[in-house]
Amino acid sequence: MNISRADAYNLMREWVKNESLQKHMLCVEAAMRAYAKKFGENEAEWGIAGLIHDFDYEKYPEYDAVKKIGHPFEGIKVLTEMQYPESIIQAILGHALYSGVKRESLMAKTLFAVDELCGFLVASAIMRPDKFLSLEAPSVLKKLKDKKFAAKVSREDIDLGVKELGVDKNEHINFVICALRGINSLFL
């Protein structure tokens, strides 16, 4: 892979001005790197997939799955032109259920499994003075049952991601929380 993390970060910063979306992408990067390490996969490649998975969302929040326009299709055009690896492209396409791209690789399954969960964990952590440091799965599981809390986060996608990745939900939540503790300072 010839794409560096710095290249991916610069691409993300060029396209994404919303600080919350940038933080979300950094969270997904951290979770992807942690899982890559756990699975013995390429941490740099997996991290880049997480870092840029939503880079076109701000410019193209609406999509037409039939015409293949909007997020993530517009970003994929750019990544293809920039010669990003097919593994990253397929993972990014697969994280959008409406793309029609099946999540076949472990990277794609992991990206889908951590994406919505990271959004929910951030919503849970920002209410705490120490953010992710004291956050634990039981508290998150309780909040997941409250449909009004972080209502835009799809609980169904979180559950589907856990199922596809073949992990225990409690362990998955704790694992991702631990990964996000490494970037806790972004939220202080």
N, C-alpha and C. Protein backbone atom coordinates (compact mmCIF):
# COMPACT_ATOMS: atom_id res chain seq x y z
N MET A 1 0.85 -1.18 0.00
CA MET A 1 0.00 0.00 0.00
C MET A 1 0.89 1.24 0.00
N ASN A 2 0.66 2.13 -0.95
CA ASN A 2 1.48 3.33 -1.09
C ASN A 2 0.86 4.56 -0.43
N ILE A 3 -0.32 4.40 0.14
CA ILE A 3 -1.01 5.52 0.77
C ILE A 3 -0.57 5.60 2.24
N SER A 4 -0.12 6.77 2.65
CA SER A 4 0.30 6.93 4.04
C SER A 4 -0.86 7.45 4.89
N ARG A 5 -0.71 7.30 6.19
CA ARG A 5 -1.71 7.82 7.11
C ARG A 5 -1.79 9.33 6.96
N ALA A 6 -0.65 9.98 6.75
CA ALA A 6 -0.64 11.44 6.56
C ALA A 6 -1.44 11.84 5.33
N ASP A 7 -1.31 11.08 4.25
CA ASP A 7 -2.09 11.35 3.03
C ASP A 7 -3.59 11.23 3.32
N ALA A 8 -3.96 10.16 4.01
CA ALA A 8 -5.37 9.93 4.33
C ALA A 8 -5.90 11.01 5.27
N TYR A 9 -5.10 11.38 6.26
CA TYR A 9 -5.50 12.43 7.20
C TYR A 9 -5.71 13.75 6.47
N ASN A 10 -4.80 14.09 5.58
CA ASN A 10 -4.91 15.34 4.81
C ASN A 10 -6.16 15.32 3.92
N LEU A 11 -6.46 14.18 3.33
CA LEU A 11 -7.66 14.04 2.51
C LEU A 11 -8.91 14.28 3.38
N MET A 12 -8.92 13.65 4.54
CA MET A 12 -10.04 13.81 5.46
C MET A 12 -10.20 15.29 5.85
N ARG A 13 -9.11 15.93 6.22
CA ARG A 13 -9.17 17.34 6.65
C ARG A 13 -9.58 18.27 5.50
N GLU A 14 -9.16 17.92 4.29
CA GLU A 14 -9.52 18.74 3.13
C GLU A 14 -11.03 18.68 2.87
N TRP A 15 -11.61 17.52 3.03
CA TRP A 15 -13.02 17.32 2.71
C TRP A 15 -13.96 17.57 3.88
N VAL A 16 -13.49 17.36 5.10
CA VAL A 16 -14.36 17.41 6.28
C VAL A 16 -13.99 18.61 7.14
N LYS A 17 -14.93 19.53 7.28
CA LYS A 17 -14.71 20.71 8.11
C LYS A 17 -15.41 20.58 9.46
N ASN A 18 -16.42 19.74 9.54
CA ASN A 18 -17.18 19.55 10.77
C ASN A 18 -16.33 18.80 11.79
N GLU A 19 -16.08 19.44 12.92
CA GLU A 19 -15.20 18.87 13.94
C GLU A 19 -15.75 17.55 14.50
N SER A 20 -17.06 17.47 14.68
CA SER A 20 -17.65 16.24 15.21
C SER A 20 -17.46 15.07 14.24
N LEU A 21 -17.61 15.33 12.97
CA LEU A 21 -17.40 14.28 11.97
C LEU A 21 -15.93 13.87 11.93
N GLN A 22 -15.03 14.84 12.04
CA GLN A 22 -13.60 14.51 12.09
C GLN A 22 -13.31 13.61 13.29
N LYS A 23 -13.86 13.95 14.44
CA LYS A 23 -13.64 13.14 15.64
C LYS A 23 -14.22 11.74 15.47
N HIS A 24 -15.38 11.65 14.84
CA HIS A 24 -15.98 10.33 14.59
C HIS A 24 -15.03 9.48 13.74
N MET A 25 -14.47 10.08 12.72
CA MET A 25 -13.58 9.34 11.83
C MET A 25 -12.29 8.93 12.55
N LEU A 26 -11.81 9.77 13.44
CA LEU A 26 -10.63 9.43 14.24
C LEU A 26 -10.96 8.30 15.22
N CYS A 27 -12.18 8.29 15.73
CA CYS A 27 -12.60 7.19 16.61
C CYS A 27 -12.65 5.87 15.84
N VAL A 28 -13.23 5.90 14.67
CA VAL A 28 -13.32 4.68 13.87
C VAL A 28 -11.91 4.21 13.49
N GLU A 29 -11.03 5.15 13.19
CA GLU A 29 -9.64 4.78 12.90
C GLU A 29 -9.02 4.06 14.10
N ALA A 30 -9.20 4.60 15.29
CA ALA A 30 -8.62 3.98 16.50
C ALA A 30 -9.17 2.58 16.71
N ALA A 31 -10.48 2.42 16.54
CA ALA A 31 -11.09 1.10 16.71
C ALA A 31 -10.59 0.12 15.66
N MET A 32 -10.46 0.59 14.43
CA MET A 32 -9.98 -0.29 13.35
C MET A 32 -8.52 -0.72 13.59
N ARG A 33 -7.69 0.21 14.03
CA ARG A 33 -6.30 -0.13 14.32
C ARG A 33 -6.22 -1.17 15.43
N ALA A 34 -7.03 -0.99 16.46
CA ALA A 34 -7.03 -1.93 17.59
C ALA A 34 -7.46 -3.33 17.13
N TYR A 35 -8.50 -3.39 16.33
CA TYR A 35 -8.95 -4.70 15.83
C TYR A 35 -7.93 -5.31 14.88
N ALA A 36 -7.31 -4.50 14.05
CA ALA A 36 -6.28 -5.03 13.15
C ALA A 36 -5.17 -5.69 13.95
N LYS A 37 -4.75 -5.03 15.02
CA LYS A 37 -3.71 -5.59 15.88
C LYS A 37 -4.19 -6.90 16.50
N LYS A 38 -5.41 -6.91 16.99
CA LYS A 38 -5.97 -8.12 17.61
C LYS A 38 -6.03 -9.28 16.61
N PHE A 39 -6.42 -8.98 15.38
CA PHE A 39 -6.58 -10.01 14.35
C PHE A 39 -5.29 -10.32 13.58
N GLY A 40 -4.20 -9.61 13.89
CA GLY A 40 -2.95 -9.82 13.18
C GLY A 40 -2.98 -9.30 11.75
N GLU A 41 -3.73 -8.23 11.53
CA GLU A 41 -3.87 -7.63 10.20
C GLU A 41 -3.04 -6.35 10.11
N ASN A 42 -3.08 -5.72 8.95
CA ASN A 42 -2.29 -4.53 8.67
C ASN A 42 -2.93 -3.31 9.36
N GLU A 43 -2.32 -2.87 10.45
CA GLU A 43 -2.88 -1.77 11.24
C GLU A 43 -2.96 -0.47 10.44
N ALA A 44 -1.97 -0.19 9.64
CA ALA A 44 -1.98 1.05 8.86
C ALA A 44 -3.13 1.05 7.87
N GLU A 45 -3.29 -0.03 7.14
CA GLU A 45 -4.35 -0.12 6.14
C GLU A 45 -5.74 -0.06 6.78
N TRP A 46 -5.93 -0.82 7.84
CA TRP A 46 -7.21 -0.81 8.53
C TRP A 46 -7.51 0.56 9.12
N GLY A 47 -6.49 1.19 9.69
CA GLY A 47 -6.67 2.53 10.26
C GLY A 47 -7.08 3.54 9.21
N ILE A 48 -6.45 3.47 8.06
CA ILE A 48 -6.79 4.38 6.97
C ILE A 48 -8.24 4.17 6.53
N ALA A 49 -8.67 2.93 6.43
CA ALA A 49 -10.07 2.66 6.07
C ALA A 49 -11.02 3.34 7.06
N GLY A 50 -10.71 3.25 8.34
CA GLY A 50 -11.53 3.91 9.34
C GLY A 50 -11.46 5.42 9.27
N LEU A 51 -10.28 5.92 9.02
CA LEU A 51 -10.06 7.37 9.00
C LEU A 51 -10.81 8.05 7.87
N ILE A 52 -10.94 7.39 6.73
CA ILE A 52 -11.54 8.06 5.56
C ILE A 52 -12.93 7.51 5.20
N HIS A 53 -13.48 6.62 5.98
CA HIS A 53 -14.71 5.95 5.57
C HIS A 53 -15.88 6.90 5.32
N ASP A 54 -15.90 8.05 5.96
CA ASP A 54 -16.98 9.03 5.78
C ASP A 54 -16.49 10.35 5.20
N PHE A 55 -15.33 10.35 4.54
CA PHE A 55 -14.75 11.64 4.15
C PHE A 55 -15.62 12.42 3.17
N ASP A 56 -16.49 11.75 2.43
CA ASP A 56 -17.35 12.45 1.47
C ASP A 56 -18.74 12.78 2.03
N TYR A 57 -19.01 12.37 3.26
CA TYR A 57 -20.35 12.52 3.83
C TYR A 57 -20.79 13.98 3.95
N GLU A 58 -19.89 14.84 4.36
CA GLU A 58 -20.25 16.25 4.54
C GLU A 58 -20.67 16.89 3.22
N LYS A 59 -19.98 16.58 2.16
CA LYS A 59 -20.29 17.16 0.84
C LYS A 59 -21.46 16.45 0.16
N TYR A 60 -21.64 15.17 0.47
CA TYR A 60 -22.67 14.36 -0.20
C TYR A 60 -23.48 13.55 0.81
N PRO A 61 -24.20 14.21 1.72
CA PRO A 61 -24.93 13.46 2.75
C PRO A 61 -26.12 12.67 2.19
N GLU A 62 -26.66 13.12 1.08
CA GLU A 62 -27.77 12.41 0.45
C GLU A 62 -27.20 11.40 -0.54
N TYR A 63 -27.94 10.35 -0.77
CA TYR A 63 -27.47 9.33 -1.70
C TYR A 63 -28.62 8.78 -2.51
N ASP A 64 -28.26 8.22 -3.64
CA ASP A 64 -29.19 7.48 -4.48
C ASP A 64 -28.49 6.17 -4.79
N ALA A 65 -28.91 5.11 -4.14
CA ALA A 65 -28.25 3.82 -4.29
C ALA A 65 -28.40 3.26 -5.70
N VAL A 66 -29.50 3.56 -6.36
CA VAL A 66 -29.72 3.06 -7.72
C VAL A 66 -28.76 3.74 -8.69
N LYS A 67 -28.64 5.06 -8.58
CA LYS A 67 -27.75 5.82 -9.46
C LYS A 67 -26.30 5.80 -8.99
N LYS A 68 -26.08 5.28 -7.78
CA LYS A 68 -24.74 5.22 -7.19
C LYS A 68 -24.11 6.61 -7.09
N ILE A 69 -24.89 7.54 -6.52
CA ILE A 69 -24.38 8.89 -6.29
C ILE A 69 -24.56 9.23 -4.82
N GLY A 70 -23.78 10.18 -4.34
CA GLY A 70 -23.80 10.57 -2.94
C GLY A 70 -22.81 9.74 -2.15
N HIS A 71 -22.94 9.82 -0.83
CA HIS A 71 -22.05 9.07 0.08
C HIS A 71 -22.41 7.60 0.07
N PRO A 72 -21.48 6.67 -0.03
CA PRO A 72 -20.02 6.79 -0.16
C PRO A 72 -19.53 6.74 -1.61
N PHE A 73 -20.47 6.75 -2.54
CA PHE A 73 -20.10 6.56 -3.95
C PHE A 73 -19.19 7.65 -4.50
N GLU A 74 -19.42 8.90 -4.08
CA GLU A 74 -18.58 10.00 -4.57
C GLU A 74 -17.16 9.86 -4.04
N GLY A 75 -17.04 9.50 -2.78
CA GLY A 75 -15.72 9.31 -2.21
C GLY A 75 -14.96 8.16 -2.86
N ILE A 76 -15.68 7.12 -3.19
CA ILE A 76 -15.05 5.96 -3.84
C ILE A 76 -14.45 6.36 -5.19
N LYS A 77 -15.13 7.24 -5.91
CA LYS A 77 -14.58 7.73 -7.19
C LYS A 77 -13.22 8.39 -6.97
N VAL A 78 -13.15 9.21 -5.92
CA VAL A 78 -11.91 9.91 -5.60
C VAL A 78 -10.83 8.91 -5.17
N LEU A 79 -11.20 7.98 -4.31
CA LEU A 79 -10.22 6.99 -3.82
C LEU A 79 -9.71 6.10 -4.95
N THR A 80 -10.58 5.75 -5.86
CA THR A 80 -10.17 4.93 -7.01
C THR A 80 -9.17 5.70 -7.86
N GLU A 81 -9.48 6.96 -8.11
CA GLU A 81 -8.58 7.80 -8.90
C GLU A 81 -7.22 7.96 -8.20
N MET A 82 -7.24 8.01 -6.87
CA MET A 82 -6.01 8.16 -6.10
C MET A 82 -5.30 6.82 -5.88
N GLN A 83 -5.85 5.76 -6.42
CA GLN A 83 -5.29 4.41 -6.36
C GLN A 83 -5.22 3.84 -4.94
N TYR A 84 -6.27 4.09 -4.16
CA TYR A 84 -6.38 3.45 -2.86
C TYR A 84 -6.60 1.96 -3.08
N PRO A 85 -6.14 1.13 -2.16
CA PRO A 85 -6.30 -0.32 -2.31
C PRO A 85 -7.77 -0.73 -2.39
N GLU A 86 -8.02 -1.74 -3.20
CA GLU A 86 -9.38 -2.26 -3.37
C GLU A 86 -9.97 -2.74 -2.05
N SER A 87 -9.14 -3.23 -1.15
CA SER A 87 -9.64 -3.70 0.15
C SER A 87 -10.28 -2.56 0.93
N ILE A 88 -9.69 -1.38 0.88
CA ILE A 88 -10.24 -0.21 1.56
C ILE A 88 -11.52 0.25 0.86
N ILE A 89 -11.48 0.28 -0.45
CA ILE A 89 -12.66 0.70 -1.22
C ILE A 89 -13.85 -0.21 -0.93
N GLN A 90 -13.62 -1.52 -0.93
CA GLN A 90 -14.71 -2.46 -0.67
C GLN A 90 -15.23 -2.33 0.77
N ALA A 91 -14.35 -2.11 1.71
CA ALA A 91 -14.77 -1.94 3.11
C ALA A 91 -15.63 -0.69 3.25
N ILE A 92 -15.23 0.40 2.61
CA ILE A 92 -15.99 1.64 2.70
C ILE A 92 -17.35 1.49 2.03
N LEU A 93 -17.39 0.86 0.88
CA LEU A 93 -18.68 0.61 0.23
C LEU A 93 -19.56 -0.26 1.12
N GLY A 94 -18.98 -1.28 1.72
CA GLY A 94 -19.73 -2.21 2.55
C GLY A 94 -20.27 -1.61 3.83
N HIS A 95 -19.70 -0.50 4.29
CA HIS A 95 -20.19 0.08 5.55
C HIS A 95 -21.54 0.77 5.36
N ALA A 96 -21.92 1.01 4.12
CA ALA A 96 -23.23 1.59 3.81
C ALA A 96 -24.14 0.46 3.33
N LEU A 97 -25.11 0.09 4.14
CA LEU A 97 -26.00 -1.03 3.80
C LEU A 97 -26.63 -0.86 2.42
N TYR A 98 -26.98 0.36 2.06
CA TYR A 98 -27.67 0.63 0.81
C TYR A 98 -26.79 0.52 -0.43
N SER A 99 -25.48 0.37 -0.25
CA SER A 99 -24.58 0.29 -1.40
C SER A 99 -24.75 -1.00 -2.17
N GLY A 100 -25.25 -2.02 -1.50
CA GLY A 100 -25.41 -3.32 -2.14
C GLY A 100 -24.13 -4.14 -2.14
N VAL A 101 -23.07 -3.62 -1.56
CA VAL A 101 -21.79 -4.33 -1.51
C VAL A 101 -21.75 -5.16 -0.23
N LYS A 102 -21.56 -6.45 -0.39
CA LYS A 102 -21.49 -7.35 0.76
C LYS A 102 -20.18 -7.16 1.50
N ARG A 103 -20.25 -7.30 2.78
CA ARG A 103 -19.05 -7.23 3.61
C ARG A 103 -18.46 -8.64 3.68
N GLU A 104 -17.47 -8.88 2.85
CA GLU A 104 -16.88 -10.22 2.79
C GLU A 104 -15.56 -10.31 3.53
N SER A 105 -14.78 -9.25 3.52
CA SER A 105 -13.48 -9.30 4.18
C SER A 105 -13.65 -9.00 5.67
N LEU A 106 -12.68 -9.44 6.44
CA LEU A 106 -12.67 -9.14 7.87
C LEU A 106 -12.60 -7.63 8.10
N MET A 107 -11.86 -6.94 7.26
CA MET A 107 -11.76 -5.48 7.37
C MET A 107 -13.14 -4.84 7.17
N ALA A 108 -13.86 -5.27 6.16
CA ALA A 108 -15.18 -4.70 5.87
C ALA A 108 -16.16 -4.98 7.01
N LYS A 109 -16.14 -6.20 7.52
CA LYS A 109 -17.02 -6.55 8.64
C LYS A 109 -16.69 -5.74 9.88
N THR A 110 -15.42 -5.52 10.11
CA THR A 110 -14.99 -4.76 11.28
C THR A 110 -15.37 -3.30 11.15
N LEU A 111 -15.17 -2.72 9.98
CA LEU A 111 -15.54 -1.32 9.78
C LEU A 111 -17.03 -1.12 10.06
N PHE A 112 -17.85 -2.02 9.54
CA PHE A 112 -19.28 -1.91 9.79
C PHE A 112 -19.58 -2.08 11.28
N ALA A 113 -18.89 -2.99 11.92
CA ALA A 113 -19.16 -3.29 13.34
C ALA A 113 -18.75 -2.15 14.27
N VAL A 114 -17.77 -1.36 13.89
CA VAL A 114 -17.31 -0.29 14.79
C VAL A 114 -17.90 1.07 14.46
N ASP A 115 -18.39 1.27 13.26
CA ASP A 115 -18.84 2.60 12.82
C ASP A 115 -19.97 3.15 13.69
N GLU A 116 -21.11 2.52 13.71
CA GLU A 116 -22.23 3.02 14.51
C GLU A 116 -21.91 2.96 16.00
N LEU A 117 -21.22 1.91 16.40
CA LEU A 117 -20.87 1.78 17.81
C LEU A 117 -20.02 2.96 18.27
N CYS A 118 -19.07 3.39 17.46
CA CYS A 118 -18.24 4.54 17.84
C CYS A 118 -19.11 5.78 18.05
N GLY A 119 -20.08 5.99 17.17
CA GLY A 119 -20.99 7.12 17.34
C GLY A 119 -21.73 7.06 18.66
N PHE A 120 -22.19 5.86 19.01
CA PHE A 120 -22.93 5.69 20.26
C PHE A 120 -22.01 5.88 21.46
N LEU A 121 -20.80 5.36 21.37
CA LEU A 121 -19.86 5.49 22.49
C LEU A 121 -19.47 6.94 22.73
N VAL A 122 -19.32 7.70 21.67
CA VAL A 122 -19.02 9.13 21.83
C VAL A 122 -20.18 9.82 22.53
N ALA A 123 -21.40 9.52 22.10
CA ALA A 123 -22.57 10.12 22.76
C ALA A 123 -22.62 9.76 24.24
N SER A 124 -22.23 8.55 24.56
CA SER A 124 -22.20 8.12 25.96
C SER A 124 -21.07 8.79 26.74
N ALA A 125 -19.92 8.93 26.11
CA ALA A 125 -18.74 9.45 26.80
C ALA A 125 -18.79 10.95 27.03
N ILE A 126 -19.38 11.69 26.12
CA ILE A 126 -19.33 13.16 26.27
C ILE A 126 -20.10 13.64 27.50
N MET A 127 -20.92 12.79 28.06
CA MET A 127 -21.67 13.15 29.26
C MET A 127 -20.84 12.94 30.53
N ARG A 128 -19.69 12.32 30.41
CA ARG A 128 -18.85 12.00 31.56
C ARG A 128 -17.68 12.98 31.66
N PRO A 129 -17.30 13.36 32.86
CA PRO A 129 -16.18 14.29 33.00
C PRO A 129 -14.86 13.73 32.47
N ASP A 130 -14.67 12.41 32.59
CA ASP A 130 -13.41 11.82 32.12
C ASP A 130 -13.56 11.11 30.77
N LYS A 131 -14.70 11.33 30.14
CA LYS A 131 -15.05 10.81 28.81
C LYS A 131 -14.97 9.28 28.77
N PHE A 132 -14.04 8.70 28.03
CA PHE A 132 -14.00 7.24 27.85
C PHE A 132 -13.34 6.49 29.01
N LEU A 133 -12.64 7.21 29.87
CA LEU A 133 -11.81 6.55 30.87
C LEU A 133 -12.61 5.68 31.84
N SER A 134 -13.80 6.10 32.22
CA SER A 134 -14.60 5.30 33.15
C SER A 134 -15.80 4.62 32.48
N LEU A 135 -15.94 4.81 31.19
CA LEU A 135 -17.06 4.21 30.46
C LEU A 135 -16.86 2.70 30.35
N GLU A 136 -17.92 1.94 30.61
CA GLU A 136 -17.83 0.48 30.53
C GLU A 136 -19.08 -0.07 29.88
N ALA A 137 -18.99 -1.29 29.39
CA ALA A 137 -20.06 -1.92 28.62
C ALA A 137 -21.42 -1.94 29.33
N PRO A 138 -21.51 -2.28 30.62
CA PRO A 138 -22.84 -2.32 31.24
C PRO A 138 -23.61 -1.00 31.11
N SER A 139 -22.91 0.11 31.28
CA SER A 139 -23.54 1.42 31.14
C SER A 139 -24.00 1.64 29.69
N VAL A 140 -23.17 1.25 28.74
CA VAL A 140 -23.50 1.41 27.33
C VAL A 140 -24.69 0.53 26.96
N LEU A 141 -24.69 -0.72 27.42
CA LEU A 141 -25.80 -1.62 27.13
C LEU A 141 -27.11 -1.08 27.68
N LYS A 142 -27.06 -0.45 28.83
CA LYS A 142 -28.26 0.14 29.42
C LYS A 142 -28.75 1.31 28.56
N LYS A 143 -27.82 2.14 28.11
CA LYS A 143 -28.19 3.29 27.28
C LYS A 143 -28.72 2.83 25.91
N LEU A 144 -28.21 1.73 25.39
CA LEU A 144 -28.68 1.21 24.10
C LEU A 144 -30.17 0.87 24.14
N LYS A 145 -30.67 0.51 25.31
CA LYS A 145 -32.09 0.17 25.46
C LYS A 145 -32.99 1.41 25.43
N ASP A 146 -32.40 2.57 25.72
CA ASP A 146 -33.14 3.83 25.72
C ASP A 146 -33.13 4.39 24.30
N LYS A 147 -34.22 4.20 23.58
CA LYS A 147 -34.30 4.60 22.16
C LYS A 147 -34.21 6.12 21.97
N LYS A 148 -34.46 6.88 23.03
CA LYS A 148 -34.37 8.33 22.92
C LYS A 148 -32.93 8.83 23.02
N PHE A 149 -32.08 8.05 23.67
CA PHE A 149 -30.68 8.45 23.82
C PHE A 149 -29.95 8.16 22.51
N ALA A 150 -29.28 9.17 21.96
CA ALA A 150 -28.57 9.03 20.68
C ALA A 150 -29.48 8.34 19.67
N ALA A 151 -30.67 8.90 19.51
CA ALA A 151 -31.73 8.28 18.71
C ALA A 151 -31.33 8.03 17.25
N LYS A 152 -30.40 8.81 16.71
CA LYS A 152 -30.02 8.63 15.31
C LYS A 152 -29.09 7.44 15.09
N VAL A 153 -28.55 6.90 16.16
CA VAL A 153 -27.65 5.75 16.03
C VAL A 153 -28.49 4.48 15.88
N SER A 154 -28.21 3.73 14.85
CA SER A 154 -28.97 2.51 14.56
C SER A 154 -28.52 1.36 15.45
N ARG A 155 -29.40 1.00 16.36
CA ARG A 155 -29.14 -0.16 17.21
C ARG A 155 -29.11 -1.44 16.37
N GLU A 156 -29.92 -1.46 15.32
CA GLU A 156 -29.96 -2.63 14.43
C GLU A 156 -28.61 -2.82 13.73
N ASP A 157 -27.99 -1.72 13.30
CA ASP A 157 -26.67 -1.81 12.65
C ASP A 157 -25.62 -2.29 13.65
N ILE A 158 -25.71 -1.81 14.89
CA ILE A 158 -24.76 -2.27 15.91
C ILE A 158 -24.91 -3.77 16.10
N ASP A 159 -26.14 -4.24 16.23
CA ASP A 159 -26.38 -5.68 16.42
C ASP A 159 -25.95 -6.49 15.21
N LEU A 160 -26.23 -5.98 14.02
CA LEU A 160 -25.82 -6.69 12.80
C LEU A 160 -24.30 -6.77 12.71
N GLY A 161 -23.62 -5.68 13.06
CA GLY A 161 -22.16 -5.66 13.04
C GLY A 161 -21.57 -6.69 13.99
N VAL A 162 -22.14 -6.80 15.19
CA VAL A 162 -21.69 -7.79 16.18
C VAL A 162 -21.88 -9.20 15.62
N LYS A 163 -23.04 -9.43 15.03
CA LYS A 163 -23.35 -10.75 14.46
C LYS A 163 -22.39 -11.10 13.32
N GLU A 164 -22.21 -10.18 12.38
CA GLU A 164 -21.34 -10.45 11.24
C GLU A 164 -19.89 -10.66 11.65
N LEU A 165 -19.45 -9.90 12.65
CA LEU A 165 -18.06 -10.03 13.10
C LEU A 165 -17.88 -11.27 13.97
N GLY A 166 -18.98 -11.79 14.50
CA GLY A 166 -18.93 -13.02 15.29
C GLY A 166 -18.29 -12.82 16.65
N VAL A 167 -18.60 -11.70 17.29
CA VAL A 167 -18.03 -11.39 18.59
C VAL A 167 -19.15 -11.26 19.63
N ASP A 168 -18.78 -11.37 20.88
CA ASP A 168 -19.70 -11.13 21.97
C ASP A 168 -19.94 -9.62 22.07
N LYS A 169 -21.19 -9.22 22.18
CA LYS A 169 -21.53 -7.79 22.20
C LYS A 169 -20.85 -7.05 23.34
N ASN A 170 -20.89 -7.62 24.53
CA ASN A 170 -20.27 -6.99 25.69
C ASN A 170 -18.76 -6.82 25.48
N GLU A 171 -18.12 -7.87 25.00
CA GLU A 171 -16.67 -7.81 24.75
C GLU A 171 -16.34 -6.81 23.65
N HIS A 172 -17.18 -6.78 22.62
CA HIS A 172 -16.97 -5.84 21.50
C HIS A 172 -17.04 -4.40 22.00
N ILE A 173 -18.05 -4.11 22.80
CA ILE A 173 -18.20 -2.76 23.33
C ILE A 173 -17.00 -2.39 24.19
N ASN A 174 -16.60 -3.27 25.08
CA ASN A 174 -15.43 -2.98 25.93
C ASN A 174 -14.16 -2.82 25.11
N PHE A 175 -14.00 -3.65 24.08
CA PHE A 175 -12.81 -3.57 23.24
C PHE A 175 -12.73 -2.21 22.55
N VAL A 176 -13.85 -1.77 21.99
CA VAL A 176 -13.84 -0.48 21.29
C VAL A 176 -13.66 0.67 22.29
N ILE A 177 -14.27 0.58 23.46
CA ILE A 177 -14.05 1.61 24.49
C ILE A 177 -12.56 1.71 24.81
N CYS A 178 -11.91 0.58 24.99
CA CYS A 178 -10.47 0.59 25.30
C CYS A 178 -9.68 1.25 24.18
N ALA A 179 -10.06 0.98 22.94
CA ALA A 179 -9.38 1.61 21.80
C ALA A 179 -9.57 3.12 21.83
N LEU A 180 -10.76 3.56 22.20
CA LEU A 180 -11.05 5.00 22.20
C LEU A 180 -10.40 5.72 23.39
N ARG A 181 -10.06 4.98 24.41
CA ARG A 181 -9.35 5.61 25.54
C ARG A 181 -8.02 6.19 25.08
N GLY A 182 -7.46 5.61 24.03
CA GLY A 182 -6.19 6.12 23.49
C GLY A 182 -6.29 7.48 22.84
N ILE A 183 -7.51 7.90 22.49
CA ILE A 183 -7.69 9.22 21.91
C ILE A 183 -8.62 10.07 22.78
N ASN A 184 -8.72 9.71 24.04
CA ASN A 184 -9.60 10.40 24.98
C ASN A 184 -9.37 11.91 25.01
N SER A 185 -8.12 12.33 24.84
CA SER A 185 -7.78 13.76 24.93
C SER A 185 -8.49 14.60 23.86
N LEU A 186 -8.93 13.99 22.78
CA LEU A 186 -9.67 14.73 21.74
C LEU A 186 -10.99 15.26 22.28
N PHE A 187 -11.50 14.65 23.32
CA PHE A 187 -12.83 14.96 23.82
C PHE A 187 -12.82 15.75 25.13
N LEU A 188 -11.63 16.07 25.64
CA LEU A 188 -11.54 16.82 26.90
C LEU A 188 -11.61 18.31 26.65
